[in-house]
Amino acid sequence: MKNKGFENGNVVPIVSGNVQSFWPTIPNIERQRDLRVYHVLNTGMGDSAMKTYLEAQWTEELHRRKHIIAKQQARLADLT
């Protein structure tokens, strides 16, 4: 007679050792082929475009700040 136990109100067999049930992981061949063919999936062109945009925004902000500082220095020079 087999040993029986209860789990969640159901009768289950009691076994010794490490018994696991799982699906083996198989690499996705289609995904690997896509990565090999389309390099944009690895590098990400969106990141490149965002970097260019942020650099342009920073340059614009830098010019704006320099202009404000130049105006303030000119106003200070007029006062003295």
Protein backbone atom coordinates (compact mmCIF):
# COMPACT_ATOMS: atom_id res chain seq x y z
CA MET A 1 0.00 0.00 0.00
CA LYS A 2 1.35 3.42 -0.97
CA ASN A 3 1.72 6.23 1.49
CA LYS A 4 -0.93 8.87 1.09
CA GLY A 5 -1.11 12.40 2.38
CA PHE A 6 -3.52 15.28 2.26
CA GLU A 7 -2.94 18.63 0.61
CA ASN A 8 -5.64 21.26 0.25
CA GLY A 9 -8.23 18.70 1.17
CA ASN A 10 -7.13 16.26 -1.56
CA VAL A 11 -5.39 12.93 -1.28
CA VAL A 12 -1.87 13.09 -2.73
CA PRO A 13 0.89 10.47 -2.86
CA ILE A 14 3.90 10.93 -0.59
CA VAL A 15 7.20 10.51 -2.41
CA SER A 16 10.77 10.83 -1.25
CA GLY A 17 13.44 12.82 -3.02
CA ASN A 18 13.30 15.95 -5.13
CA VAL A 19 10.42 15.51 -7.56
CA GLN A 20 9.80 18.48 -9.83
CA SER A 21 7.64 18.92 -12.83
CA PHE A 22 8.63 21.64 -15.26
CA TRP A 23 9.02 22.45 -18.94
CA PRO A 24 12.60 22.56 -20.18
CA THR A 25 13.67 25.95 -21.47
CA ILE A 26 14.29 25.93 -25.20
CA PRO A 27 15.88 28.96 -26.86
CA ASN A 28 13.64 30.84 -29.25
CA ILE A 29 15.31 30.35 -32.64
CA GLU A 30 13.16 32.98 -34.34
CA ARG A 31 14.11 35.60 -31.77
CA GLN A 32 17.80 34.79 -32.17
CA ARG A 33 17.49 35.08 -35.95
CA ASP A 34 15.72 38.43 -35.62
CA LEU A 35 18.49 39.73 -33.36
CA ARG A 36 21.10 38.59 -35.85
CA VAL A 37 19.33 40.15 -38.85
CA TYR A 38 17.92 43.35 -37.33
CA HIS A 39 20.65 45.02 -35.29
CA VAL A 40 18.29 47.77 -34.23
CA LEU A 41 16.75 45.29 -31.77
CA ASN A 42 20.09 45.14 -29.94
CA THR A 43 21.20 48.76 -30.21
CA GLY A 44 17.86 50.54 -30.14
CA MET A 45 17.55 53.51 -32.48
CA GLY A 46 15.14 55.15 -30.07
CA ASP A 47 17.97 55.61 -27.60
CA SER A 48 20.13 57.21 -30.27
CA ALA A 49 17.38 59.61 -31.32
CA MET A 50 16.64 60.51 -27.70
CA LYS A 51 20.30 61.23 -27.05
CA THR A 52 20.44 63.59 -30.03
CA TYR A 53 17.27 65.33 -28.86
CA LEU A 54 18.54 65.75 -25.30
CA GLU A 55 21.88 67.11 -26.54
CA ALA A 56 20.03 69.68 -28.66
CA GLN A 57 17.82 70.65 -25.72
CA TRP A 58 20.88 71.03 -23.47
CA THR A 59 22.67 73.20 -26.05
CA GLU A 60 19.60 75.41 -26.39
CA GLU A 61 19.32 75.75 -22.60
CA LEU A 62 23.03 76.58 -22.37
CA HIS A 63 22.70 79.35 -24.99
CA ARG A 64 19.65 80.73 -23.16
CA ARG A 65 21.53 80.84 -19.85
CA LYS A 66 24.58 82.49 -21.44
CA HIS A 67 22.31 85.13 -22.99
CA ILE A 68 20.71 85.87 -19.60
CA ILE A 69 24.12 86.16 -17.94
CA ALA A 70 25.36 88.49 -20.69
CA LYS A 71 22.28 90.72 -20.24
CA GLN A 72 22.80 90.85 -16.48
CA GLN A 73 26.49 91.70 -16.89
CA ALA A 74 25.64 94.47 -19.34
CA ARG A 75 23.04 95.89 -16.94
CA LEU A 76 25.58 95.74 -14.10
CA ALA A 77 28.18 97.50 -16.26
CA ASP A 78 25.66 100.29 -16.99
CA LEU A 79 25.02 100.80 -13.27
CA THR A 80 28.69 101.27 -12.37
